[in-house]
Amino acid sequence: MATQLPAFMKAMVLEITNTPLVLKLVPVPVPLPEQVLIKVIACGLCRTDLHIVDEDLKHPKLPLIPGHEIIGIIVRIGERVKNVQNGDYVGVSWLGYTCGKCKYCLRGNENLCSNAEFTGYTIDGGYAEYTLANEQYCFKLTEKYGNSSAAPLLCAGLIGFRSYNMINKKAVNIGIYGFGAAAHIIIQIANYLGKHIFVFTKPGDINAQQFAANLGAFWTGDSSQSPPEKLDAAIIFAPEGSLIPKALKDTDKAGMVICGGIYMTDIPSFTYDILWEERSIHSVANLTRKDGDDFFKILTKISLTTRIISYKLSDANQALNDLRNGNIQGAAVLSIH
């Protein structure tokens, strides 16, 4: 017997960029043959959501229900769905669809798909009581993850993990610039793998530095300081282009600087000498489903915790403002069911 579902649901809707979200009653969507309907348990807030609302990322679907760090339970499935069923816990992340036919998909770079769709950007996301997702882009989870604490894993965790995996495996001293949701997850994985993590925060952000120290940072300071040792690699999570030349100066020969964000302010000019000696700059674009599979596999070996601040669905604008103003240590999450 099919689960009796309401006809309408609450959702926070972006109607016009650069304006607050609007709490609305909208119809509960009906899954297409390859889709599932998910009752949202929680949805994390990501800095990418801010970039969409603030129009740093252009041409979102409008009106739009944002959100791409979704934890939920399947309550209805389309007729061609094969790999999940009603009652399964799933996670839904940024990558919502790829074509499987373009040159990027065919060479294993589905994260660069020419025809990709993105959750909470070009398709509706999880700032709602229910959401749709293509079954092929759901991560099947155990009941252990069926709670608000797991929501940040679906983007902050996944993008942090993809960024980390771009670093040479022999790197030991690793710098992290910007200590937010992604950093507080990846530092726990890096510590498990025996790395030394050097954390750079905004000047004066003593609370973030203490948070990083409590999670096992080898050294903490701010972005105006130089580390006590040269770095083998660096990951920049903060959306500040000026951190690229700073990170290059902090890295040793053959050092890698990984830019983990989808948006960054303009990069100032810098002299060639800080790039020379085979240093490199590498950007991270989206993620692949394999990233998710590998990420959740390694989590079975690590006692990883997330620090979250929970908000009601109707308080999404306050949560976004707190994120925008740097008032979040850890991750902000909308707890919905």
Protein backbone atom coordinates (compact mmCIF):
# COMPACT_ATOMS: atom_id res chain seq x y z
CA MET A 1 0.00 0.00 0.00
CA ALA A 2 1.38 3.41 -0.96
CA THR A 3 2.18 5.78 1.87
CA GLN A 4 -0.43 8.48 2.29
CA LEU A 5 1.31 11.78 1.60
CA PRO A 6 0.16 15.36 2.03
CA ALA A 7 -0.77 17.35 -1.04
CA PHE A 8 1.30 20.35 0.01
CA MET A 9 4.58 20.94 1.83
CA LYS A 10 6.47 23.82 3.39
CA ALA A 11 9.49 25.06 1.46
CA MET A 12 11.86 28.01 1.60
CA VAL A 13 11.88 29.44 -1.92
CA LEU A 14 14.30 31.80 -3.64
CA GLU A 15 12.07 33.85 -5.94
CA ILE A 16 14.56 36.58 -6.87
CA THR A 17 18.30 36.55 -6.25
CA ASN A 18 19.68 38.99 -3.68
CA THR A 19 16.42 38.80 -1.71
CA PRO A 20 15.47 36.68 1.32
CA LEU A 21 13.93 33.25 0.82
CA VAL A 22 10.16 33.04 1.17
CA LEU A 23 8.38 30.40 3.26
CA LYS A 24 5.65 28.95 1.02
CA LEU A 25 3.21 26.08 0.76
CA VAL A 26 3.93 24.28 -2.52
CA PRO A 27 2.68 20.99 -3.96
CA VAL A 28 4.52 17.85 -2.90
CA PRO A 29 6.30 16.80 -6.12
CA VAL A 30 5.55 13.50 -7.89
CA PRO A 31 8.52 11.35 -8.94
CA LEU A 32 9.20 10.63 -12.58
CA PRO A 33 9.99 6.99 -13.51
CA GLU A 34 13.68 7.21 -12.47
CA GLN A 35 13.15 9.48 -9.48
CA VAL A 36 12.43 8.99 -5.79
CA LEU A 37 10.47 11.21 -3.44
CA ILE A 38 12.39 11.85 -0.24
CA LYS A 39 11.02 13.00 3.07
CA VAL A 40 13.74 15.40 4.16
CA ILE A 41 15.13 14.82 7.64
CA ALA A 42 17.74 17.56 7.44
CA CYS A 43 19.50 19.76 4.91
CA GLY A 44 22.85 21.39 5.52
CA LEU A 45 23.62 24.95 4.49
CA CYS A 46 26.64 25.38 2.26
CA ARG A 47 28.53 28.50 1.25
CA THR A 48 27.51 27.63 -2.30
CA ASP A 49 23.91 28.34 -1.25
CA LEU A 50 25.05 31.86 -0.36
CA HIS A 51 26.74 32.24 -3.74
CA ILE A 52 23.46 31.27 -5.42
CA VAL A 53 21.30 33.58 -3.31
CA ASP A 54 23.80 36.45 -3.65
CA GLU A 55 24.11 35.86 -7.43
CA ASP A 56 27.83 35.10 -7.39
CA LEU A 57 26.72 32.00 -9.29
CA LYS A 58 24.65 33.10 -12.26
CA HIS A 59 21.44 31.77 -13.79
CA PRO A 60 19.92 29.57 -11.07
CA LYS A 61 16.55 28.03 -11.73
CA LEU A 62 13.94 30.48 -10.43
CA PRO A 63 11.88 30.09 -8.41
CA LEU A 64 14.26 27.72 -6.63
CA ILE A 65 14.25 25.60 -3.49
CA PRO A 66 17.95 25.66 -2.47
CA GLY A 67 19.91 23.04 -0.58
CA HIS A 68 22.20 20.17 -1.58
CA GLU A 69 23.27 18.52 1.67
CA ILE A 70 20.19 16.37 2.08
CA ILE A 71 19.53 13.50 4.46
CA GLY A 72 16.15 11.82 4.14
CA ILE A 73 14.08 8.71 3.80
CA ILE A 74 12.45 7.50 0.59
CA VAL A 75 8.65 7.54 0.71
CA ARG A 76 7.75 6.98 -2.95
CA ILE A 77 9.60 5.60 -5.97
CA GLY A 78 9.21 5.91 -9.73
CA GLU A 79 8.28 2.88 -11.80
CA ARG A 80 11.80 2.30 -13.17
CA VAL A 81 13.66 2.66 -9.86
CA LYS A 82 15.66 -0.49 -9.11
CA ASN A 83 18.37 0.13 -6.51
CA VAL A 84 16.46 1.73 -3.63
CA GLN A 85 13.05 1.30 -2.08
CA ASN A 86 10.62 2.96 0.27
CA GLY A 87 12.05 3.22 3.76
CA ASP A 88 15.68 3.50 2.66
CA TYR A 89 17.81 6.27 4.13
CA VAL A 90 19.61 8.27 1.45
CA GLY A 91 21.85 11.26 1.03
CA VAL A 92 21.61 13.69 -1.87
CA SER A 93 24.46 16.01 -2.83
CA TRP A 94 25.30 18.73 -5.37
CA LEU A 95 25.60 16.53 -8.47
CA GLY A 96 22.01 15.75 -9.44
CA TYR A 97 22.30 14.45 -13.01
CA THR A 98 24.88 13.73 -15.71
CA CYS A 99 24.26 12.75 -19.32
CA GLY A 100 26.71 9.84 -19.56
CA LYS A 101 27.37 10.74 -23.21
CA CYS A 102 29.55 13.85 -23.38
CA LYS A 103 33.34 13.63 -23.65
CA TYR A 104 33.76 14.33 -19.94
CA CYS A 105 31.39 11.58 -18.83
CA LEU A 106 32.96 9.11 -21.28
CA ARG A 107 36.44 9.69 -19.88
CA GLY A 108 35.39 9.37 -16.23
CA ASN A 109 34.99 13.06 -15.41
CA GLU A 110 31.26 13.15 -14.79
CA ASN A 111 31.81 16.07 -12.41
CA LEU A 112 32.58 18.14 -15.53
CA CYS A 113 29.59 16.89 -17.54
CA SER A 114 28.50 19.39 -20.20
CA ASN A 115 24.83 18.71 -19.43
CA ALA A 116 24.97 18.30 -15.66
CA GLU A 117 22.18 19.38 -13.33
CA PHE A 118 22.86 20.49 -9.78
CA THR A 119 20.75 20.03 -6.67
CA GLY A 120 19.56 23.30 -5.20
CA TYR A 121 20.81 25.28 -8.21
CA THR A 122 19.32 24.06 -11.48
CA ILE A 123 16.92 21.60 -9.81
CA ASP A 124 15.03 22.03 -6.55
CA GLY A 125 16.82 20.98 -3.40
CA GLY A 126 16.30 20.25 0.26
CA TYR A 127 15.09 23.42 1.97
CA ALA A 128 11.70 21.73 2.07
CA GLU A 129 9.76 18.94 3.73
CA TYR A 130 10.06 16.74 0.61
CA THR A 131 12.32 16.68 -2.42
CA LEU A 132 12.88 14.65 -5.58
CA ALA A 133 16.13 13.03 -6.69
CA ASN A 134 17.24 10.74 -9.46
CA GLU A 135 17.89 7.35 -7.86
CA GLN A 136 21.32 7.10 -9.56
CA TYR A 137 22.48 10.20 -7.68
CA CYS A 138 21.34 9.13 -4.22
CA PHE A 139 23.81 7.64 -1.76
CA LYS A 140 22.16 4.76 0.07
CA LEU A 141 22.93 5.15 3.77
CA THR A 142 22.45 3.20 6.96
CA GLU A 143 20.13 4.38 9.72
CA LYS A 144 23.25 5.67 11.50
CA TYR A 145 23.22 8.63 9.11
CA GLY A 146 19.51 9.36 9.35
CA ASN A 147 19.92 12.53 11.39
CA SER A 148 20.92 16.19 11.19
CA SER A 149 24.56 15.53 12.10
CA ALA A 150 25.10 13.66 8.84
CA ALA A 151 23.88 16.46 6.54
CA PRO A 152 27.24 18.29 6.25
CA LEU A 153 28.85 15.10 4.96
CA LEU A 154 26.94 15.46 1.67
CA CYS A 155 28.88 18.52 0.49
CA ALA A 156 31.32 19.85 3.06
CA GLY A 157 32.52 16.31 3.60
CA LEU A 158 32.50 15.23 -0.03
CA ILE A 159 34.17 18.33 -1.49
CA GLY A 160 36.71 18.36 1.33
CA PHE A 161 37.47 14.72 0.58
CA ARG A 162 37.82 15.31 -3.17
CA SER A 163 40.09 18.30 -2.49
CA TYR A 164 42.22 16.26 -0.10
CA ASN A 165 42.51 13.39 -2.58
CA MET A 166 44.09 15.70 -5.17
CA ILE A 167 47.10 16.13 -2.91
CA ASN A 168 50.17 13.92 -3.38
CA LYS A 169 49.76 10.98 -1.02
CA LYS A 170 53.31 11.55 0.29
CA ALA A 171 52.47 15.06 1.54
CA VAL A 172 52.67 15.37 5.33
CA ASN A 173 52.45 19.07 6.14
CA ILE A 174 49.10 20.27 4.79
CA GLY A 175 47.72 23.78 5.17
CA ILE A 176 44.01 24.57 5.37
CA TYR A 177 42.93 28.15 4.69
CA GLY A 178 39.45 28.83 6.05
CA PHE A 179 38.25 26.62 8.87
CA GLY A 180 34.55 26.01 8.33
CA ALA A 181 32.30 23.06 7.64
CA ALA A 182 34.53 21.28 5.09
CA ALA A 183 37.73 21.84 7.05
CA HIS A 184 36.36 20.54 10.33
CA ILE A 185 35.48 17.24 8.62
CA ILE A 186 38.60 16.72 6.51
CA ILE A 187 40.96 17.47 9.42
CA GLN A 188 39.60 14.38 11.17
CA ILE A 189 40.33 12.19 8.13
CA ALA A 190 43.79 13.73 7.66
CA ASN A 191 44.64 13.13 11.31
CA TYR A 192 43.58 9.50 10.95
CA LEU A 193 45.95 9.22 7.98
CA GLY A 194 48.86 10.67 9.97
CA LYS A 195 49.08 14.13 8.40
CA HIS A 196 50.13 17.39 10.09
CA ILE A 197 47.43 20.02 9.54
CA PHE A 198 48.30 23.72 9.65
CA VAL A 199 45.16 25.88 9.96
CA PHE A 200 44.92 29.50 8.79
CA THR A 201 41.86 31.52 9.82
CA LYS A 202 40.80 35.12 9.39
CA PRO A 203 42.94 37.46 11.50
CA GLY A 204 41.54 37.64 15.00
CA ASP A 205 39.34 34.54 14.73
CA ILE A 206 40.62 32.96 17.91
CA ASN A 207 37.48 30.83 18.31
CA ALA A 208 38.05 29.08 14.97
CA GLN A 209 41.71 28.53 15.83
CA GLN A 210 40.75 26.95 19.15
CA PHE A 211 38.15 24.81 17.41
CA ALA A 212 40.81 23.58 14.99
CA ALA A 213 43.24 22.91 17.83
CA ASN A 214 40.61 20.87 19.66
CA LEU A 215 40.19 18.75 16.52
CA GLY A 216 43.91 18.01 16.40
CA ALA A 217 45.49 20.74 14.27
CA PHE A 218 49.29 20.57 14.35
CA TRP A 219 49.48 24.39 14.22
CA THR A 220 46.94 27.21 14.11
CA GLY A 221 47.32 30.82 13.13
CA ASP A 222 45.79 33.41 10.85
CA SER A 223 46.23 34.11 7.16
CA SER A 224 48.67 36.97 7.82
CA GLN A 225 51.12 34.57 9.46
CA SER A 226 53.64 32.16 7.99
CA PRO A 227 53.66 28.54 9.16
CA PRO A 228 56.62 27.37 11.26
CA GLU A 229 57.45 24.80 8.57
CA LYS A 230 57.03 24.80 4.80
CA LEU A 231 53.87 23.08 3.59
CA ASP A 232 53.81 20.14 1.20
CA ALA A 233 50.33 21.12 0.06
CA ALA A 234 47.50 23.50 0.85
CA ILE A 235 43.72 23.48 0.51
CA ILE A 236 41.89 26.79 0.27
CA PHE A 237 38.26 26.62 1.38
CA ALA A 238 37.78 30.36 1.95
CA PRO A 239 36.48 32.21 -1.15
CA GLU A 240 39.33 34.72 -1.09
CA GLY A 241 41.51 34.94 -4.20
CA SER A 242 44.26 36.70 -2.24
CA LEU A 243 44.95 33.44 -0.42
CA ILE A 244 46.35 31.79 -3.55
CA PRO A 245 49.63 33.76 -3.64
CA LYS A 246 49.79 33.51 0.16
CA ALA A 247 49.50 29.73 0.01
CA LEU A 248 52.10 29.53 -2.77
CA LYS A 249 54.54 31.41 -0.55
CA ASP A 250 53.84 28.99 2.28
CA THR A 251 54.39 25.83 0.22
CA ASP A 252 57.66 24.06 -0.43
CA LYS A 253 59.07 23.00 -3.80
CA ALA A 254 56.58 20.90 -5.80
CA GLY A 255 53.85 22.02 -3.41
CA MET A 256 50.21 21.89 -4.51
CA VAL A 257 47.59 24.53 -3.80
CA ILE A 258 44.06 23.13 -4.10
CA CYS A 259 41.14 25.55 -4.44
CA GLY A 260 38.16 23.76 -2.96
CA GLY A 261 35.39 26.29 -3.55
CA ILE A 262 33.01 26.83 -6.45
CA TYR A 263 33.53 30.61 -6.26
CA MET A 264 36.48 32.81 -5.37
CA THR A 265 37.15 36.53 -5.51
CA ASP A 266 39.67 37.79 -8.05
CA ILE A 267 43.21 36.53 -7.69
CA PRO A 268 45.76 39.36 -7.38
CA SER A 269 48.82 39.33 -9.59
CA PHE A 270 51.93 37.69 -8.18
CA THR A 271 55.52 37.20 -9.21
CA TYR A 272 56.53 34.02 -10.97
CA ASP A 273 59.10 33.04 -8.33
CA ILE A 274 56.43 31.82 -5.88
CA LEU A 275 55.00 29.49 -8.53
CA TRP A 276 58.36 28.31 -9.82
CA GLU A 277 60.04 25.11 -8.57
CA GLU A 278 57.08 23.07 -9.81
CA ARG A 279 54.46 24.42 -7.47
CA SER A 280 50.94 24.12 -8.87
CA ILE A 281 47.44 25.52 -8.47
CA HIS A 282 44.48 23.19 -8.98
CA SER A 283 40.76 23.86 -8.77
CA VAL A 284 38.08 21.43 -7.64
CA ALA A 285 34.84 21.28 -9.64
CA ASN A 286 31.86 19.44 -8.23
CA LEU A 287 32.28 15.75 -7.38
CA THR A 288 31.72 12.29 -8.76
CA ARG A 289 29.59 9.50 -7.41
CA LYS A 290 32.78 7.51 -6.84
CA ASP A 291 33.94 10.28 -4.50
CA GLY A 292 30.85 9.64 -2.41
CA ASP A 293 31.30 5.86 -2.41
CA ASP A 294 34.95 6.19 -1.36
CA PHE A 295 34.12 8.80 1.26
CA PHE A 296 31.46 6.78 3.02
CA LYS A 297 33.73 3.73 2.84
CA ILE A 298 36.52 5.48 4.75
CA LEU A 299 34.01 6.74 7.31
CA THR A 300 33.49 3.12 8.40
CA LYS A 301 37.07 3.24 9.73
CA ILE A 302 36.97 6.62 11.46
CA SER A 303 35.08 7.87 14.48
CA LEU A 304 34.15 11.14 12.79
CA THR A 305 31.92 13.76 14.38
CA THR A 306 30.36 16.90 12.96
CA ARG A 307 29.66 20.04 14.91
CA ILE A 308 26.32 21.44 13.79
CA ILE A 309 24.09 24.35 14.66
CA SER A 310 20.45 23.42 14.00
CA TYR A 311 17.81 25.77 12.66
CA LYS A 312 14.14 25.32 11.85
CA LEU A 313 13.17 25.34 8.19
CA SER A 314 11.47 28.71 8.63
CA ASP A 315 14.71 30.16 10.01
CA ALA A 316 16.72 29.47 6.84
CA ASN A 317 17.31 33.18 6.21
CA GLN A 318 18.78 33.61 9.68
CA ALA A 319 20.99 30.59 9.12
CA LEU A 320 22.23 32.01 5.79
CA ASN A 321 22.96 35.36 7.45
CA ASP A 322 24.89 33.65 10.24
CA LEU A 323 26.91 31.77 7.61
CA ARG A 324 27.45 34.95 5.59
CA ASN A 325 28.69 36.82 8.67
CA GLY A 326 31.06 34.08 9.83
CA ASN A 327 29.04 33.23 12.93
CA ILE A 328 29.06 29.46 12.38
CA GLN A 329 31.68 27.17 13.86
CA GLY A 330 31.20 23.81 12.17
CA ALA A 331 28.12 23.55 9.98
CA ALA A 332 24.61 25.02 9.88
CA VAL A 333 21.77 22.55 9.31
CA LEU A 334 18.03 22.90 8.78
CA SER A 335 16.40 20.17 10.90
CA ILE A 336 13.09 19.46 9.17
CA HIS A 337 11.59 16.15 10.34
